[in-house]
Structure formats: C-alpha cells, structure tokens
Amino acid sequence: MFGIGGGEIFFILIVILMLFGSDKIPEIARTLGKGMAQLKNATNEIKHEIQKGAEDNGLDMKSLTGGISDEIANAKENMNKAINPTEIANPITEIKEDLENLTGPIKRQM
C-alpha cells in the first residue's frame, strides 16, 4: 500500500491523533470516506461517458480489445506447448532411476 509499512502507518495514526484529538477523528474519517466515494463516482461517470462517446462514433471497445485478448491467449497457449512440464519430467525420472540402479549395490555394501 504505497510502500508504507505497518510501523509507519501506526506512527501516522499517532500523529493524527495528537493533532486532531480523538473526538474529531470519526468526523475526519467520515469526510474522507465521502470524498473517496465522490471520486469513485466521478471516475465511473467519466469512464461511462468515454465508452458512450466511442459507441456513438462507431467504435466498439470490445472488438478493439478482443483482438489483443485473443493474441495474449494464443501466446499463452504456444508458451505452454513449447514448455511442457511432462517433457522435462520424463528425462529427470529416467536419470533418477539410473542413479538409483547405480547406487543400489554401493548402498548394500555399506
């Protein structure tokens, strides 16, 4: 959260408590909460207006981003095909079995 640790948050809360007092902190928190809600509503309205304007001009946002999403899905699929864990695991198990076969007589002698 903004690169602030627990101790730093605690210190900030202590400073706020000392500056404003315990009776005004709930009022300040309420005001900050209302402000954050208004900011969220304003950004949602702006986002909606941009999408509406794009649709009015004939731009379909889903078709614009759909091609990118398809390309990302294809790239993931190709990467999964190129790096198949089962292809890597088979030689490792074969090497492990070979080592166990070689070290078996040595272990029995000890």
Protein backbone atom coordinates (compact mmCIF):
# COMPACT_ATOMS: atom_id res chain seq x y z
CA MET A 1 0.00 0.00 0.00
CA PHE A 2 2.01 2.99 -1.31
CA GLY A 3 5.18 1.46 0.11
CA ILE A 4 4.15 2.25 3.68
CA GLY A 5 4.76 -0.39 6.33
CA GLY A 6 2.79 -1.17 9.48
CA GLY A 7 5.06 0.85 11.75
CA GLU A 8 4.81 3.88 9.52
CA ILE A 9 1.02 3.68 9.43
CA PHE A 10 0.98 3.40 13.23
CA PHE A 11 3.21 6.49 13.50
CA ILE A 12 0.95 8.45 11.14
CA LEU A 13 -2.11 7.46 13.19
CA ILE A 14 -0.42 8.61 16.41
CA VAL A 15 0.45 11.98 14.81
CA ILE A 16 -3.13 12.39 13.54
CA LEU A 17 -4.48 11.52 16.99
CA MET A 18 -2.20 14.11 18.59
CA LEU A 19 -3.06 16.83 16.05
CA PHE A 20 -6.83 16.46 15.88
CA GLY A 21 -7.79 14.68 19.07
CA SER A 22 -9.93 11.61 19.50
CA ASP A 23 -13.24 13.48 19.20
CA LYS A 24 -12.61 14.78 15.64
CA ILE A 25 -11.11 11.62 14.09
CA PRO A 26 -14.51 9.95 13.30
CA GLU A 27 -15.68 13.16 11.61
CA ILE A 28 -12.48 13.35 9.55
CA ALA A 29 -12.80 9.67 8.58
CA ARG A 30 -16.42 10.21 7.52
CA THR A 31 -15.44 13.21 5.41
CA LEU A 32 -12.59 11.27 3.77
CA GLY A 33 -14.92 8.34 3.08
CA LYS A 34 -17.48 10.60 1.42
CA GLY A 35 -14.75 12.25 -0.63
CA MET A 36 -13.42 8.88 -1.82
CA ALA A 37 -16.96 7.80 -2.78
CA GLN A 38 -17.48 11.01 -4.77
CA LEU A 39 -14.14 10.50 -6.52
CA LYS A 40 -15.07 6.92 -7.41
CA ASN A 41 -18.46 8.01 -8.76
CA ALA A 42 -16.84 10.79 -10.80
CA THR A 43 -14.32 8.41 -12.39
CA ASN A 44 -17.08 5.91 -13.18
CA GLU A 45 -19.11 8.68 -14.83
CA ILE A 46 -16.10 9.77 -16.91
CA LYS A 47 -15.44 6.17 -17.95
CA HIS A 48 -19.10 5.73 -18.93
CA GLU A 49 -19.07 8.96 -20.97
CA ILE A 50 -15.93 7.88 -22.83
CA GLN A 51 -17.45 4.48 -23.63
CA LYS A 52 -20.72 6.10 -24.73
CA GLY A 53 -18.87 8.57 -26.97
CA ALA A 54 -16.86 5.76 -28.54
CA GLU A 55 -20.01 3.75 -29.23
CA ASP A 56 -21.72 6.81 -30.74
CA ASN A 57 -18.79 7.23 -33.12
CA GLY A 58 -18.96 3.60 -34.20
CA LEU A 59 -16.05 2.30 -32.14
CA ASP A 60 -16.72 -0.94 -30.35
CA MET A 61 -14.39 -1.23 -27.38
CA LYS A 62 -14.87 -4.98 -27.16
CA SER A 63 -13.72 -5.51 -30.73
CA LEU A 64 -10.71 -3.25 -30.17
CA THR A 65 -9.56 -5.12 -27.08
CA GLY A 66 -10.82 -8.51 -28.26
CA GLY A 67 -8.00 -8.89 -30.77
CA ILE A 68 -5.42 -8.19 -28.10
CA SER A 69 -7.05 -10.66 -25.72
CA ASP A 70 -7.03 -13.34 -28.43
CA GLU A 71 -3.36 -12.70 -29.16
CA ILE A 72 -2.48 -12.96 -25.48
CA ALA A 73 -4.42 -16.23 -25.19
CA ASN A 74 -2.63 -17.61 -28.27
CA ALA A 75 0.75 -16.58 -26.88
CA LYS A 76 -0.01 -18.32 -23.56
CA GLU A 77 -1.10 -21.47 -25.36
CA ASN A 78 2.03 -21.50 -27.52
CA MET A 79 4.24 -20.99 -24.48
CA ASN A 80 2.53 -23.86 -22.69
CA LYS A 81 3.09 -26.08 -25.72
CA ALA A 82 6.74 -25.03 -26.00
CA ILE A 83 7.47 -25.59 -22.32
CA ASN A 84 5.65 -28.78 -21.45
CA PRO A 85 6.49 -29.91 -17.89
CA THR A 86 5.84 -33.56 -18.72
CA GLU A 87 8.55 -33.50 -21.38
CA ILE A 88 11.01 -32.21 -18.80
CA ALA A 89 9.86 -34.61 -16.07
CA ASN A 90 10.37 -37.80 -18.10
CA PRO A 91 14.15 -37.45 -18.56
CA ILE A 92 14.52 -36.44 -14.92
CA THR A 93 12.75 -39.58 -13.72
CA GLU A 94 14.88 -41.70 -16.07
CA ILE A 95 18.08 -40.14 -14.67
CA LYS A 96 16.82 -40.68 -11.12
CA GLU A 97 16.14 -44.36 -11.83
CA ASP A 98 19.58 -44.77 -13.41
CA LEU A 99 21.25 -43.22 -10.37
CA GLU A 100 19.28 -45.47 -8.02
CA ASN A 101 20.30 -48.52 -10.07
CA LEU A 102 23.95 -47.48 -9.94
CA THR A 103 23.99 -46.62 -6.25
CA GLY A 104 21.93 -49.64 -5.19
CA PRO A 105 24.90 -52.06 -4.96
CA ILE A 106 27.01 -49.37 -3.26
CA LYS A 107 24.34 -48.80 -0.61
CA ARG A 108 24.03 -52.55 0.02
CA GLN A 109 27.77 -52.89 0.62
CA MET A 110 27.77 -50.28 3.35
